[in-house]
């Protein structure tokens, strides 16, 4: 079986949904997010969850912004939870890759968010503010960690 079947499958679903003119927000959430549509708190942050978030961003880009306000808010809120989530590196293992799953996924996810902010100015502030807030959270965590290490 293909290594990225879940991701590829969700991306294909996202592209198909994006081409439908009469799709409702609840249908998009059901197809792309499933149980995650209520939030990603307290859910193991595994490959399936990460694939669902990326495919939701892909849907927004290819649907030309259909349902962009609520789904951008959902994706931005999800971004802010990254430091508290239980990350599971359950994707296919590439022993030659030295980049952690945290870095790989966060880079891809932020790239999608940046594309959304560039294409849909009315959600730009929501997205950029969440990215800034995440940087502030991480900076504070690193600062506190370094201060404890020096004591």
N, C-alpha and C. Protein backbone atom coordinates (compact mmCIF):
# COMPACT_ATOMS: atom_id res chain seq x y z
N UNK A 1 0.85 -1.18 0.00
CA UNK A 1 0.00 0.00 0.00
C UNK A 1 0.89 1.24 0.00
N UNK A 2 0.42 2.27 -0.64
CA UNK A 2 1.18 3.50 -0.74
C UNK A 2 1.37 4.13 0.64
N UNK A 3 2.56 4.68 0.88
CA UNK A 3 2.92 5.21 2.19
C UNK A 3 2.03 6.38 2.62
N UNK A 4 1.70 7.25 1.72
CA UNK A 4 0.90 8.44 2.06
C UNK A 4 -0.54 8.31 1.58
N UNK A 5 -1.09 7.11 1.66
CA UNK A 5 -2.45 6.88 1.18
C UNK A 5 -3.44 7.83 1.83
N UNK A 6 -3.39 7.95 3.14
CA UNK A 6 -4.35 8.81 3.85
C UNK A 6 -4.25 10.25 3.36
N UNK A 7 -3.04 10.76 3.30
CA UNK A 7 -2.84 12.14 2.86
C UNK A 7 -3.32 12.32 1.42
N UNK A 8 -2.90 11.43 0.53
CA UNK A 8 -3.29 11.54 -0.88
C UNK A 8 -4.81 11.43 -1.05
N UNK A 9 -5.42 10.52 -0.30
CA UNK A 9 -6.86 10.34 -0.37
C UNK A 9 -7.59 11.60 0.08
N UNK A 10 -7.16 12.16 1.19
CA UNK A 10 -7.81 13.38 1.70
C UNK A 10 -7.61 14.56 0.75
N UNK A 11 -6.44 14.65 0.15
CA UNK A 11 -6.20 15.73 -0.81
C UNK A 11 -7.09 15.58 -2.04
N UNK A 12 -7.26 14.36 -2.52
CA UNK A 12 -8.15 14.13 -3.66
C UNK A 12 -9.60 14.47 -3.29
N UNK A 13 -10.01 14.11 -2.09
CA UNK A 13 -11.35 14.47 -1.62
C UNK A 13 -11.48 15.99 -1.57
N UNK A 14 -10.46 16.66 -1.05
CA UNK A 14 -10.49 18.13 -0.97
C UNK A 14 -10.64 18.75 -2.35
N UNK A 15 -9.91 18.24 -3.32
CA UNK A 15 -10.00 18.77 -4.68
C UNK A 15 -11.37 18.52 -5.30
N UNK A 16 -11.94 17.35 -5.05
CA UNK A 16 -13.28 17.04 -5.56
C UNK A 16 -14.34 17.93 -4.91
N UNK A 17 -14.23 18.11 -3.60
CA UNK A 17 -15.18 18.98 -2.89
C UNK A 17 -15.07 20.42 -3.38
N UNK A 18 -13.86 20.85 -3.67
CA UNK A 18 -13.64 22.23 -4.12
C UNK A 18 -14.33 22.51 -5.45
N UNK A 19 -14.51 21.49 -6.27
CA UNK A 19 -15.15 21.67 -7.58
C UNK A 19 -16.67 21.69 -7.50
N UNK A 20 -17.21 21.30 -6.34
CA UNK A 20 -18.67 21.27 -6.19
C UNK A 20 -19.18 22.66 -5.80
N UNK A 21 -20.12 23.15 -6.56
CA UNK A 21 -20.60 24.52 -6.32
C UNK A 21 -21.60 24.61 -5.18
N UNK A 22 -22.29 23.55 -4.89
CA UNK A 22 -23.36 23.61 -3.89
C UNK A 22 -23.04 22.83 -2.61
N UNK A 23 -21.80 22.75 -2.25
CA UNK A 23 -21.41 21.98 -1.06
C UNK A 23 -21.56 22.84 0.19
N UNK A 24 -22.11 22.26 1.23
CA UNK A 24 -22.31 23.01 2.47
C UNK A 24 -21.07 22.89 3.37
N UNK A 25 -20.98 23.81 4.30
CA UNK A 25 -19.89 23.78 5.27
C UNK A 25 -19.90 22.48 6.06
N UNK A 26 -21.07 22.04 6.47
CA UNK A 26 -21.15 20.80 7.25
C UNK A 26 -20.68 19.59 6.44
N UNK A 27 -20.95 19.58 5.14
CA UNK A 27 -20.47 18.49 4.29
C UNK A 27 -18.95 18.52 4.18
N UNK A 28 -18.39 19.70 4.02
CA UNK A 28 -16.93 19.83 3.93
C UNK A 28 -16.29 19.36 5.23
N UNK A 29 -16.82 19.83 6.35
CA UNK A 29 -16.28 19.42 7.65
C UNK A 29 -16.38 17.91 7.83
N UNK A 30 -17.51 17.36 7.48
CA UNK A 30 -17.72 15.92 7.63
C UNK A 30 -16.73 15.12 6.78
N UNK A 31 -16.54 15.53 5.54
CA UNK A 31 -15.66 14.80 4.62
C UNK A 31 -14.18 14.97 4.94
N UNK A 32 -13.77 16.18 5.31
CA UNK A 32 -12.35 16.44 5.50
C UNK A 32 -11.89 16.33 6.95
N UNK A 33 -12.75 16.72 7.87
CA UNK A 33 -12.33 16.76 9.27
C UNK A 33 -12.96 15.67 10.13
N UNK A 34 -14.16 15.25 9.78
CA UNK A 34 -14.83 14.23 10.58
C UNK A 34 -14.96 14.67 12.02
N UNK A 35 -14.53 13.83 12.95
CA UNK A 35 -14.64 14.13 14.38
C UNK A 35 -13.77 15.31 14.80
N UNK A 36 -12.82 15.68 13.98
CA UNK A 36 -11.94 16.81 14.31
C UNK A 36 -12.65 18.15 14.19
N UNK A 37 -13.80 18.18 13.55
CA UNK A 37 -14.48 19.46 13.31
C UNK A 37 -14.87 20.16 14.61
N UNK A 38 -14.86 19.44 15.72
CA UNK A 38 -15.13 20.06 17.02
C UNK A 38 -13.86 20.58 17.68
N UNK A 39 -12.73 20.40 17.05
CA UNK A 39 -11.45 20.85 17.59
C UNK A 39 -10.48 19.70 17.73
N UNK A 40 -9.21 20.04 17.82
CA UNK A 40 -8.18 18.99 17.88
C UNK A 40 -7.60 18.82 19.28
N UNK A 41 -8.18 19.52 20.26
CA UNK A 41 -7.70 19.35 21.62
C UNK A 41 -7.95 17.90 22.05
N UNK A 42 -7.06 17.38 22.85
CA UNK A 42 -7.20 16.04 23.44
C UNK A 42 -7.25 14.91 22.41
N UNK A 43 -6.79 15.17 21.22
CA UNK A 43 -6.73 14.14 20.18
C UNK A 43 -5.26 13.92 19.84
N UNK A 44 -4.80 12.67 19.79
CA UNK A 44 -3.40 12.44 19.40
C UNK A 44 -3.13 13.06 18.03
N UNK A 45 -2.09 13.87 17.96
CA UNK A 45 -1.77 14.60 16.73
C UNK A 45 -0.95 13.70 15.82
N UNK A 46 -1.65 12.78 15.16
CA UNK A 46 -0.98 11.79 14.32
C UNK A 46 -1.07 12.16 12.84
N UNK A 47 -0.60 11.27 12.00
CA UNK A 47 -0.57 11.52 10.55
C UNK A 47 -1.97 11.80 9.99
N UNK A 48 -2.97 11.08 10.47
CA UNK A 48 -4.33 11.29 9.98
C UNK A 48 -4.85 12.68 10.31
N UNK A 49 -4.58 13.14 11.52
CA UNK A 49 -5.03 14.48 11.93
C UNK A 49 -4.29 15.54 11.12
N UNK A 50 -2.99 15.38 10.99
CA UNK A 50 -2.21 16.34 10.21
C UNK A 50 -2.68 16.37 8.75
N UNK A 51 -2.99 15.21 8.19
CA UNK A 51 -3.49 15.14 6.81
C UNK A 51 -4.83 15.85 6.67
N UNK A 52 -5.68 15.71 7.68
CA UNK A 52 -6.99 16.38 7.65
C UNK A 52 -6.83 17.89 7.64
N UNK A 53 -5.91 18.40 8.45
CA UNK A 53 -5.70 19.85 8.50
C UNK A 53 -5.14 20.38 7.18
N UNK A 54 -4.15 19.68 6.64
CA UNK A 54 -3.57 20.12 5.37
C UNK A 54 -4.60 20.07 4.24
N UNK A 55 -5.39 19.01 4.20
CA UNK A 55 -6.37 18.88 3.12
C UNK A 55 -7.46 19.95 3.23
N UNK A 56 -7.77 20.38 4.45
CA UNK A 56 -8.74 21.46 4.62
C UNK A 56 -8.20 22.75 4.03
N UNK A 57 -6.93 23.02 4.26
CA UNK A 57 -6.31 24.20 3.65
C UNK A 57 -6.28 24.10 2.13
N UNK A 58 -6.00 22.92 1.63
CA UNK A 58 -5.99 22.70 0.17
C UNK A 58 -7.39 22.93 -0.40
N UNK A 59 -8.40 22.43 0.31
CA UNK A 59 -9.78 22.67 -0.12
C UNK A 59 -10.05 24.17 -0.25
N UNK A 60 -9.67 24.94 0.76
CA UNK A 60 -9.93 26.38 0.74
C UNK A 60 -9.25 27.05 -0.45
N UNK A 61 -8.03 26.67 -0.73
CA UNK A 61 -7.31 27.28 -1.86
C UNK A 61 -7.96 26.93 -3.20
N UNK A 62 -8.33 25.68 -3.38
CA UNK A 62 -8.86 25.25 -4.67
C UNK A 62 -10.35 25.54 -4.84
N UNK A 63 -11.04 25.86 -3.76
CA UNK A 63 -12.46 26.22 -3.87
C UNK A 63 -12.62 27.73 -4.04
N UNK A 64 -11.50 28.42 -4.16
CA UNK A 64 -11.50 29.88 -4.29
C UNK A 64 -12.15 30.56 -3.09
N UNK A 65 -11.93 29.95 -1.92
CA UNK A 65 -12.36 30.60 -0.68
C UNK A 65 -13.74 30.26 -0.20
N UNK A 66 -14.35 29.23 -0.74
CA UNK A 66 -15.66 28.82 -0.26
C UNK A 66 -15.53 28.39 1.20
N UNK A 67 -16.33 28.96 2.08
CA UNK A 67 -16.31 28.67 3.52
C UNK A 67 -14.99 29.10 4.17
N UNK A 68 -14.31 30.09 3.59
CA UNK A 68 -12.98 30.46 4.06
C UNK A 68 -13.00 31.03 5.48
N UNK A 69 -14.03 31.79 5.84
CA UNK A 69 -14.03 32.41 7.17
C UNK A 69 -14.05 31.37 8.29
N UNK A 70 -15.04 30.47 8.33
CA UNK A 70 -15.06 29.52 9.45
C UNK A 70 -13.90 28.52 9.42
N UNK A 71 -13.52 28.08 8.23
CA UNK A 71 -12.44 27.09 8.17
C UNK A 71 -11.07 27.71 8.43
N UNK A 72 -10.86 28.95 8.02
CA UNK A 72 -9.60 29.63 8.36
C UNK A 72 -9.50 29.84 9.87
N UNK A 73 -10.61 30.19 10.48
CA UNK A 73 -10.63 30.35 11.94
C UNK A 73 -10.30 29.02 12.60
N UNK A 74 -10.88 27.93 12.11
CA UNK A 74 -10.60 26.61 12.66
C UNK A 74 -9.12 26.26 12.52
N UNK A 75 -8.56 26.50 11.34
CA UNK A 75 -7.15 26.19 11.10
C UNK A 75 -6.24 27.07 11.96
N UNK A 76 -6.60 28.34 12.10
CA UNK A 76 -5.80 29.26 12.93
C UNK A 76 -5.87 28.85 14.40
N UNK A 77 -7.05 28.48 14.87
CA UNK A 77 -7.18 28.01 16.25
C UNK A 77 -6.38 26.72 16.47
N UNK A 78 -6.38 25.86 15.46
CA UNK A 78 -5.60 24.61 15.55
C UNK A 78 -4.11 24.91 15.65
N UNK A 79 -3.64 25.88 14.89
CA UNK A 79 -2.23 26.27 14.92
C UNK A 79 -1.80 26.64 16.34
N UNK A 80 -2.65 27.36 17.05
CA UNK A 80 -2.30 27.81 18.40
C UNK A 80 -2.21 26.67 19.40
N UNK A 81 -2.75 25.52 19.06
CA UNK A 81 -2.70 24.37 19.96
C UNK A 81 -1.44 23.53 19.79
N UNK A 82 -0.67 23.79 18.75
CA UNK A 82 0.50 22.96 18.45
C UNK A 82 1.41 22.71 19.65
N UNK A 83 1.74 23.73 20.46
CA UNK A 83 2.65 23.46 21.58
C UNK A 83 2.08 22.52 22.65
N UNK A 84 0.76 22.44 22.75
CA UNK A 84 0.15 21.61 23.79
C UNK A 84 -0.22 20.21 23.31
N UNK A 85 -0.15 19.95 22.03
CA UNK A 85 -0.62 18.68 21.49
C UNK A 85 0.36 17.55 21.75
N UNK A 86 -0.18 16.33 21.76
CA UNK A 86 0.64 15.12 21.83
C UNK A 86 0.94 14.69 20.40
N UNK A 87 2.16 14.99 19.95
CA UNK A 87 2.56 14.71 18.58
C UNK A 87 2.99 13.25 18.47
N UNK A 88 2.53 12.58 17.42
CA UNK A 88 2.94 11.21 17.13
C UNK A 88 3.57 11.19 15.75
N UNK A 89 4.79 10.70 15.69
CA UNK A 89 5.49 10.61 14.42
C UNK A 89 5.21 9.24 13.82
N UNK A 90 4.02 9.09 13.26
CA UNK A 90 3.60 7.80 12.73
C UNK A 90 3.56 7.75 11.21
N UNK A 91 4.10 8.76 10.57
CA UNK A 91 4.18 8.74 9.11
C UNK A 91 5.30 7.79 8.71
N UNK A 92 5.43 7.55 7.43
CA UNK A 92 6.48 6.65 6.97
C UNK A 92 7.84 7.16 7.44
N UNK A 93 8.65 6.27 7.93
CA UNK A 93 9.94 6.64 8.50
C UNK A 93 10.99 6.78 7.40
N UNK A 94 11.66 7.90 7.41
CA UNK A 94 12.77 8.16 6.50
C UNK A 94 13.98 8.43 7.38
N UNK A 95 14.80 7.43 7.58
CA UNK A 95 15.93 7.55 8.51
C UNK A 95 16.98 8.55 8.05
N UNK A 96 16.96 8.94 6.79
CA UNK A 96 17.94 9.90 6.31
C UNK A 96 17.50 11.34 6.57
N UNK A 97 16.23 11.53 6.88
CA UNK A 97 15.69 12.87 7.09
C UNK A 97 15.94 13.30 8.53
N UNK A 98 16.64 14.38 8.70
CA UNK A 98 16.98 14.87 10.04
C UNK A 98 16.00 15.92 10.55
N UNK A 99 15.00 16.26 9.74
CA UNK A 99 14.02 17.26 10.13
C UNK A 99 12.88 16.57 10.86
N UNK A 100 12.56 17.05 12.05
CA UNK A 100 11.51 16.42 12.85
C UNK A 100 10.14 16.64 12.22
N UNK A 101 9.21 15.78 12.61
CA UNK A 101 7.84 15.91 12.11
C UNK A 101 7.24 17.24 12.52
N UNK A 102 7.64 17.75 13.70
CA UNK A 102 7.14 19.06 14.15
C UNK A 102 7.50 20.14 13.14
N UNK A 103 8.76 20.15 12.75
CA UNK A 103 9.24 21.16 11.80
C UNK A 103 8.63 20.97 10.41
N UNK A 104 8.60 19.73 9.94
CA UNK A 104 8.05 19.45 8.62
C UNK A 104 6.60 19.90 8.52
N UNK A 105 5.79 19.45 9.48
CA UNK A 105 4.37 19.75 9.41
C UNK A 105 4.11 21.24 9.63
N UNK A 106 4.76 21.83 10.61
CA UNK A 106 4.52 23.24 10.90
C UNK A 106 4.89 24.10 9.69
N UNK A 107 5.97 23.75 9.01
CA UNK A 107 6.35 24.48 7.79
C UNK A 107 5.26 24.36 6.72
N UNK A 108 4.81 23.14 6.46
CA UNK A 108 3.78 22.93 5.44
C UNK A 108 2.48 23.64 5.80
N UNK A 109 2.09 23.51 7.06
CA UNK A 109 0.83 24.11 7.52
C UNK A 109 0.90 25.63 7.44
N UNK A 110 2.01 26.21 7.88
CA UNK A 110 2.16 27.66 7.80
C UNK A 110 2.23 28.15 6.36
N UNK A 111 2.77 27.35 5.47
CA UNK A 111 2.78 27.72 4.06
C UNK A 111 1.36 27.80 3.51
N UNK A 112 0.54 26.83 3.86
CA UNK A 112 -0.87 26.86 3.43
C UNK A 112 -1.57 28.06 4.03
N UNK A 113 -1.34 28.31 5.33
CA UNK A 113 -1.98 29.47 5.97
C UNK A 113 -1.53 30.77 5.31
N UNK A 114 -0.26 30.87 4.97
CA UNK A 114 0.25 32.08 4.30
C UNK A 114 -0.39 32.25 2.93
N UNK A 115 -0.58 31.15 2.20
CA UNK A 115 -1.27 31.22 0.91
C UNK A 115 -2.71 31.69 1.09
N UNK A 116 -3.37 31.18 2.12
CA UNK A 116 -4.75 31.62 2.38
C UNK A 116 -4.79 33.11 2.70
N UNK A 117 -3.84 33.57 3.52
CA UNK A 117 -3.79 34.99 3.88
C UNK A 117 -3.52 35.86 2.65
N UNK A 118 -2.70 35.37 1.74
CA UNK A 118 -2.39 36.13 0.53
C UNK A 118 -3.57 36.17 -0.45
N UNK A 119 -4.29 35.08 -0.56
CA UNK A 119 -5.39 35.00 -1.52
C UNK A 119 -6.70 35.60 -1.01
N UNK A 120 -6.88 35.60 0.31
CA UNK A 120 -8.15 36.04 0.89
C UNK A 120 -7.89 37.07 1.98
N UNK A 121 -7.74 38.34 1.58
CA UNK A 121 -7.36 39.40 2.52
C UNK A 121 -8.31 39.55 3.71
N UNK A 122 -9.57 39.18 3.55
CA UNK A 122 -10.51 39.35 4.66
C UNK A 122 -10.27 38.38 5.82
N UNK A 123 -9.43 37.34 5.63
CA UNK A 123 -9.07 36.46 6.75
C UNK A 123 -7.59 36.61 7.12
N UNK A 124 -6.91 37.53 6.46
CA UNK A 124 -5.47 37.72 6.67
C UNK A 124 -5.14 37.99 8.14
N UNK A 125 -5.86 38.90 8.78
CA UNK A 125 -5.55 39.26 10.17
C UNK A 125 -5.71 38.07 11.11
N UNK A 126 -6.75 37.28 10.91
CA UNK A 126 -6.96 36.10 11.76
C UNK A 126 -5.76 35.16 11.66
N UNK A 127 -5.32 34.92 10.44
CA UNK A 127 -4.22 33.98 10.21
C UNK A 127 -2.91 34.54 10.74
N UNK A 128 -2.58 35.76 10.38
CA UNK A 128 -1.30 36.34 10.80
C UNK A 128 -1.25 36.49 12.32
N UNK A 129 -2.35 36.90 12.93
CA UNK A 129 -2.37 37.02 14.39
C UNK A 129 -2.14 35.68 15.07
N UNK A 130 -2.68 34.60 14.52
CA UNK A 130 -2.44 33.29 15.12
C UNK A 130 -0.99 32.86 14.94
N UNK A 131 -0.40 33.19 13.79
CA UNK A 131 1.01 32.85 13.58
C UNK A 131 1.91 33.62 14.55
N UNK A 132 1.60 34.90 14.75
CA UNK A 132 2.37 35.71 15.70
C UNK A 132 2.20 35.18 17.11
N UNK A 133 0.97 34.84 17.46
CA UNK A 133 0.72 34.32 18.81
C UNK A 133 1.45 33.00 19.05
N UNK A 134 1.51 32.14 18.03
CA UNK A 134 2.27 30.90 18.17
C UNK A 134 3.74 31.19 18.40
N UNK A 135 4.30 32.13 17.64
CA UNK A 135 5.71 32.50 17.84
C UNK A 135 5.94 33.03 19.25
N UNK A 136 5.01 33.82 19.76
CA UNK A 136 5.13 34.33 21.13
C UNK A 136 5.09 33.19 22.14
N UNK A 137 4.18 32.24 21.95
CA UNK A 137 4.09 31.09 22.84
C UNK A 137 5.40 30.30 22.85
N UNK A 138 5.91 30.03 21.67
CA UNK A 138 7.14 29.24 21.56
C UNK A 138 8.34 29.99 22.12
N UNK A 139 8.41 31.28 21.88
CA UNK A 139 9.50 32.09 22.42
C UNK A 139 9.47 32.08 23.94
N UNK A 140 8.29 32.21 24.52
CA UNK A 140 8.15 32.17 25.97
C UNK A 140 8.57 30.82 26.52
N UNK A 141 8.14 29.73 25.88
CA UNK A 141 8.53 28.39 26.33
C UNK A 141 10.04 28.20 26.28
N UNK A 142 10.65 28.63 25.19
CA UNK A 142 12.10 28.48 25.04
C UNK A 142 12.83 29.32 26.08
N UNK A 143 12.38 30.54 26.30
CA UNK A 143 13.00 31.43 27.29
C UNK A 143 12.92 30.82 28.68
N UNK A 144 11.75 30.32 29.06
CA UNK A 144 11.59 29.70 30.38
C UNK A 144 12.44 28.44 30.50
N UNK A 145 12.52 27.67 29.43
CA UNK A 145 13.34 26.46 29.44
C UNK A 145 14.81 26.82 29.65
N UNK A 146 15.29 27.83 28.94
CA UNK A 146 16.68 28.26 29.07
C UNK A 146 16.97 28.84 30.45
N UNK A 147 16.02 29.57 31.01
CA UNK A 147 16.20 30.13 32.36
C UNK A 147 16.29 29.03 33.40
N UNK A 148 15.48 27.98 33.27
CA UNK A 148 15.54 26.86 34.20
C UNK A 148 16.86 26.11 34.07
N UNK A 149 17.36 26.01 32.84
CA UNK A 149 18.61 25.30 32.60
C UNK A 149 19.81 26.03 33.17
N UNK A 150 19.73 27.34 33.30
CA UNK A 150 20.84 28.13 33.82
C UNK A 150 20.80 28.23 35.33
N UNK A 151 19.69 27.87 35.96
CA UNK A 151 19.59 27.99 37.42
C UNK A 151 20.28 26.85 38.11
